[in-house]
């Protein structure tokens, strides 16, 4: 399974994503596609909408059963704590303050 959360998806990209995913909420896409289809879809998005921020959660063989990737500017950050992938909503940058 793959979940893609996008920021302000352009209509052309949204339409392309709806070929393989459902959109239960605006800019949230969920589907079960193979890795090759997922990678080609993400490659197409990054090539045609490079300003689009993406958070991708996909099934994986890891101990948690999923992987997390981000592309572009998002208001979430992936963090790894004690070997576990988590999503941070707010964080402080090192050296600031």
N, C-alpha and C. Protein backbone atom coordinates (compact mmCIF):
# COMPACT_ATOMS: atom_id res chain seq x y z
N UNK A 1 0.85 -1.17 0.00
CA UNK A 1 0.00 0.00 0.00
C UNK A 1 0.89 1.23 0.00
N UNK A 2 0.41 2.27 -0.65
CA UNK A 2 1.12 3.54 -0.71
C UNK A 2 0.17 4.67 -0.36
N UNK A 3 0.65 5.60 0.46
CA UNK A 3 -0.09 6.81 0.80
C UNK A 3 0.78 7.99 0.38
N UNK A 4 0.21 8.89 -0.42
CA UNK A 4 0.92 10.09 -0.85
C UNK A 4 0.13 11.29 -0.34
N UNK A 5 0.82 12.15 0.39
CA UNK A 5 0.21 13.38 0.86
C UNK A 5 0.95 14.52 0.17
N UNK A 6 0.21 15.31 -0.60
CA UNK A 6 0.80 16.37 -1.40
C UNK A 6 0.31 17.73 -0.94
N UNK A 7 1.07 18.75 -1.27
CA UNK A 7 0.68 20.13 -0.97
C UNK A 7 0.21 20.80 -2.25
N UNK A 8 -1.06 21.23 -2.29
CA UNK A 8 -1.60 22.00 -3.42
C UNK A 8 -1.32 21.34 -4.77
N UNK A 9 -1.86 20.17 -4.97
CA UNK A 9 -1.63 19.39 -6.18
C UNK A 9 -2.25 20.07 -7.40
N UNK A 10 -1.44 20.31 -8.46
CA UNK A 10 -2.00 20.87 -9.70
C UNK A 10 -3.02 19.89 -10.31
N UNK A 11 -4.04 20.40 -11.02
CA UNK A 11 -5.07 19.53 -11.58
C UNK A 11 -4.53 18.39 -12.47
N UNK A 12 -3.52 18.67 -13.28
CA UNK A 12 -2.98 17.62 -14.16
C UNK A 12 -2.34 16.49 -13.35
N UNK A 13 -1.61 16.83 -12.30
CA UNK A 13 -0.97 15.82 -11.45
C UNK A 13 -2.04 15.07 -10.65
N UNK A 14 -3.03 15.78 -10.14
CA UNK A 14 -4.12 15.15 -9.39
C UNK A 14 -4.85 14.13 -10.27
N UNK A 15 -5.13 14.50 -11.51
CA UNK A 15 -5.80 13.59 -12.44
C UNK A 15 -4.97 12.35 -12.73
N UNK A 16 -3.66 12.55 -12.90
CA UNK A 16 -2.77 11.41 -13.15
C UNK A 16 -2.73 10.48 -11.94
N UNK A 17 -2.68 11.03 -10.74
CA UNK A 17 -2.65 10.20 -9.53
C UNK A 17 -3.94 9.41 -9.36
N UNK A 18 -5.06 9.97 -9.78
CA UNK A 18 -6.34 9.29 -9.64
C UNK A 18 -6.47 8.07 -10.55
N UNK A 19 -5.53 7.89 -11.45
CA UNK A 19 -5.54 6.67 -12.27
C UNK A 19 -5.26 5.43 -11.43
N UNK A 20 -4.38 5.59 -10.43
CA UNK A 20 -3.96 4.43 -9.63
C UNK A 20 -4.32 4.53 -8.16
N UNK A 21 -4.73 5.70 -7.71
CA UNK A 21 -5.00 5.91 -6.29
C UNK A 21 -6.41 6.47 -6.10
N UNK A 22 -6.96 6.26 -4.90
CA UNK A 22 -8.19 6.95 -4.55
C UNK A 22 -7.78 8.22 -3.78
N UNK A 23 -8.66 9.18 -3.71
CA UNK A 23 -8.37 10.43 -3.01
C UNK A 23 -9.43 10.64 -1.92
N UNK A 24 -9.23 10.02 -0.74
CA UNK A 24 -10.25 10.11 0.32
C UNK A 24 -10.41 11.52 0.89
N UNK A 25 -9.36 12.31 0.80
CA UNK A 25 -9.38 13.72 1.21
C UNK A 25 -8.58 14.50 0.19
N UNK A 26 -8.80 15.79 0.05
CA UNK A 26 -8.02 16.56 -0.92
C UNK A 26 -6.52 16.42 -0.68
N UNK A 27 -5.80 16.10 -1.74
CA UNK A 27 -4.33 15.98 -1.73
C UNK A 27 -3.81 14.78 -0.93
N UNK A 28 -4.66 13.82 -0.61
CA UNK A 28 -4.25 12.58 0.04
C UNK A 28 -4.63 11.44 -0.90
N UNK A 29 -3.65 10.66 -1.33
CA UNK A 29 -3.87 9.60 -2.31
C UNK A 29 -3.44 8.27 -1.69
N UNK A 30 -4.31 7.26 -1.82
CA UNK A 30 -4.06 5.95 -1.22
C UNK A 30 -4.30 4.88 -2.28
N UNK A 31 -3.36 3.93 -2.37
CA UNK A 31 -3.55 2.85 -3.33
C UNK A 31 -2.54 1.74 -3.14
N UNK A 32 -2.81 0.65 -3.81
CA UNK A 32 -1.90 -0.49 -3.81
C UNK A 32 -1.36 -0.64 -5.22
N UNK A 33 -0.14 -0.20 -5.40
CA UNK A 33 0.53 -0.31 -6.70
C UNK A 33 1.87 -0.98 -6.48
N UNK A 34 2.40 -1.58 -7.54
CA UNK A 34 3.71 -2.20 -7.38
C UNK A 34 4.79 -1.11 -7.32
N UNK A 35 5.97 -1.49 -6.90
CA UNK A 35 7.06 -0.54 -6.70
C UNK A 35 7.42 0.20 -7.98
N UNK A 36 7.44 -0.51 -9.11
CA UNK A 36 7.80 0.12 -10.38
C UNK A 36 6.81 1.21 -10.76
N UNK A 37 5.51 0.94 -10.61
CA UNK A 37 4.49 1.94 -10.92
C UNK A 37 4.61 3.13 -9.98
N UNK A 38 4.82 2.85 -8.69
CA UNK A 38 4.96 3.93 -7.72
C UNK A 38 6.17 4.81 -8.04
N UNK A 39 7.32 4.18 -8.33
CA UNK A 39 8.53 4.94 -8.63
C UNK A 39 8.39 5.77 -9.90
N UNK A 40 7.78 5.19 -10.93
CA UNK A 40 7.57 5.94 -12.18
C UNK A 40 6.59 7.09 -11.98
N UNK A 41 5.57 6.89 -11.17
CA UNK A 41 4.61 7.95 -10.88
C UNK A 41 5.29 9.10 -10.14
N UNK A 42 6.09 8.77 -9.12
CA UNK A 42 6.79 9.80 -8.37
C UNK A 42 7.82 10.52 -9.22
N UNK A 43 8.49 9.79 -10.10
CA UNK A 43 9.45 10.41 -11.03
C UNK A 43 8.74 11.41 -11.94
N UNK A 44 7.57 11.03 -12.45
CA UNK A 44 6.78 11.91 -13.31
C UNK A 44 6.38 13.18 -12.54
N UNK A 45 5.93 13.01 -11.31
CA UNK A 45 5.52 14.17 -10.50
C UNK A 45 6.70 15.09 -10.25
N UNK A 46 7.84 14.55 -9.83
CA UNK A 46 9.00 15.38 -9.54
C UNK A 46 9.50 16.11 -10.79
N UNK A 47 9.37 15.49 -11.95
CA UNK A 47 9.81 16.10 -13.20
C UNK A 47 8.85 17.20 -13.66
N UNK A 48 7.54 17.01 -13.47
CA UNK A 48 6.55 17.94 -13.99
C UNK A 48 6.00 18.93 -12.97
N UNK A 49 6.24 18.70 -11.72
CA UNK A 49 5.80 19.63 -10.67
C UNK A 49 6.87 19.66 -9.57
N UNK A 50 8.07 20.18 -9.90
CA UNK A 50 9.18 20.13 -8.93
C UNK A 50 8.93 20.92 -7.65
N UNK A 51 8.01 21.89 -7.68
CA UNK A 51 7.71 22.69 -6.50
C UNK A 51 6.76 21.99 -5.54
N UNK A 52 6.19 20.88 -5.95
CA UNK A 52 5.21 20.15 -5.15
C UNK A 52 5.89 19.42 -3.99
N UNK A 53 5.38 19.63 -2.77
CA UNK A 53 5.90 18.91 -1.61
C UNK A 53 5.13 17.61 -1.43
N UNK A 54 5.87 16.51 -1.21
CA UNK A 54 5.25 15.19 -1.08
C UNK A 54 5.74 14.47 0.17
N UNK A 55 4.84 13.80 0.84
CA UNK A 55 5.16 12.86 1.91
C UNK A 55 4.63 11.52 1.44
N UNK A 56 5.52 10.53 1.31
CA UNK A 56 5.12 9.21 0.80
C UNK A 56 5.37 8.17 1.88
N UNK A 57 4.35 7.40 2.19
CA UNK A 57 4.45 6.28 3.11
C UNK A 57 4.10 5.04 2.31
N UNK A 58 5.02 4.09 2.24
CA UNK A 58 4.81 2.92 1.39
C UNK A 58 5.18 1.63 2.12
N UNK A 59 4.50 0.56 1.77
CA UNK A 59 4.81 -0.76 2.33
C UNK A 59 6.27 -1.10 2.04
N UNK A 60 6.91 -1.76 3.00
CA UNK A 60 8.33 -2.05 2.87
C UNK A 60 8.64 -3.30 3.70
N UNK A 61 9.80 -3.87 3.51
CA UNK A 61 10.22 -5.05 4.26
C UNK A 61 10.90 -4.69 5.58
N UNK A 62 10.81 -3.44 6.01
CA UNK A 62 11.44 -3.02 7.26
C UNK A 62 10.69 -3.62 8.46
N UNK A 63 11.25 -3.44 9.64
CA UNK A 63 10.61 -3.98 10.84
C UNK A 63 9.25 -3.32 11.11
N UNK A 64 9.08 -2.08 10.67
CA UNK A 64 7.79 -1.41 10.85
C UNK A 64 6.80 -1.77 9.75
N UNK A 65 7.29 -2.30 8.65
CA UNK A 65 6.41 -2.68 7.55
C UNK A 65 6.14 -1.57 6.56
N UNK A 66 6.80 -0.40 6.73
CA UNK A 66 6.64 0.71 5.80
C UNK A 66 7.89 1.57 5.78
N UNK A 67 8.00 2.39 4.74
CA UNK A 67 9.07 3.38 4.64
C UNK A 67 8.44 4.75 4.47
N UNK A 68 9.19 5.78 4.81
CA UNK A 68 8.73 7.16 4.70
C UNK A 68 9.74 7.93 3.89
N UNK A 69 9.25 8.70 2.90
CA UNK A 69 10.11 9.57 2.10
C UNK A 69 9.42 10.92 1.95
N UNK A 70 10.21 11.97 1.85
CA UNK A 70 9.67 13.29 1.55
C UNK A 70 10.40 13.87 0.35
N UNK A 71 9.70 14.66 -0.42
CA UNK A 71 10.27 15.38 -1.55
C UNK A 71 9.76 16.81 -1.49
N UNK A 72 10.62 17.75 -1.77
CA UNK A 72 10.19 19.14 -1.79
C UNK A 72 9.89 19.66 -0.40
N UNK A 73 9.22 20.80 -0.37
CA UNK A 73 8.89 21.48 0.88
C UNK A 73 7.60 20.92 1.48
N UNK A 74 7.69 20.37 2.67
CA UNK A 74 6.51 19.87 3.40
C UNK A 74 6.53 20.47 4.80
N UNK A 75 5.42 20.43 5.48
CA UNK A 75 5.40 20.90 6.86
C UNK A 75 5.58 19.76 7.85
N UNK A 76 6.05 18.64 7.35
CA UNK A 76 6.37 17.47 8.18
C UNK A 76 7.81 17.06 7.88
N UNK A 77 8.43 16.40 8.83
CA UNK A 77 9.80 15.96 8.65
C UNK A 77 9.92 14.52 9.13
N UNK A 78 10.56 13.69 8.35
CA UNK A 78 10.77 12.31 8.78
C UNK A 78 11.97 12.27 9.73
N UNK A 79 11.83 11.55 10.80
CA UNK A 79 12.90 11.40 11.77
C UNK A 79 13.02 9.93 12.15
N UNK A 80 14.23 9.54 12.49
CA UNK A 80 14.47 8.16 12.91
C UNK A 80 14.96 8.21 14.36
N UNK A 81 14.21 7.59 15.24
CA UNK A 81 14.55 7.56 16.66
C UNK A 81 14.58 6.11 17.10
N UNK A 82 15.72 5.69 17.61
CA UNK A 82 15.91 4.31 18.06
C UNK A 82 15.52 3.30 16.98
N UNK A 83 15.81 3.65 15.73
CA UNK A 83 15.53 2.74 14.63
C UNK A 83 14.11 2.79 14.09
N UNK A 84 13.26 3.62 14.69
CA UNK A 84 11.87 3.73 14.25
C UNK A 84 11.67 5.01 13.43
N UNK A 85 10.97 4.90 12.30
CA UNK A 85 10.64 6.06 11.50
C UNK A 85 9.41 6.74 12.08
N UNK A 86 9.51 8.04 12.29
CA UNK A 86 8.41 8.83 12.82
C UNK A 86 8.26 10.10 11.99
N UNK A 87 7.14 10.79 12.14
CA UNK A 87 6.89 12.05 11.47
C UNK A 87 6.82 13.14 12.52
N UNK A 88 7.65 14.17 12.35
CA UNK A 88 7.65 15.31 13.26
C UNK A 88 6.88 16.46 12.62
N UNK A 89 5.99 17.06 13.40
CA UNK A 89 5.24 18.22 12.91
C UNK A 89 6.01 19.51 13.15
N UNK A 90 6.69 19.60 14.28
CA UNK A 90 7.49 20.77 14.61
C UNK A 90 8.84 20.28 15.11
N UNK A 91 9.87 21.04 14.82
CA UNK A 91 11.20 20.69 15.28
C UNK A 91 12.06 21.94 15.34
N UNK A 92 13.11 21.85 16.09
CA UNK A 92 14.05 22.96 16.20
C UNK A 92 15.31 22.58 15.48
N UNK A 93 15.80 23.50 14.65
CA UNK A 93 17.03 23.26 13.91
C UNK A 93 18.21 23.41 14.86
N UNK A 94 19.26 22.59 14.67
CA UNK A 94 20.46 22.69 15.49
C UNK A 94 21.13 24.04 15.26
N UNK A 95 21.63 24.64 16.33
CA UNK A 95 22.38 25.87 16.21
C UNK A 95 21.53 27.13 16.16
N UNK A 96 20.23 27.02 16.26
CA UNK A 96 19.37 28.20 16.26
C UNK A 96 18.92 28.46 17.68
N UNK A 97 18.95 29.69 18.09
CA UNK A 97 18.42 30.01 19.40
C UNK A 97 19.46 30.54 20.25
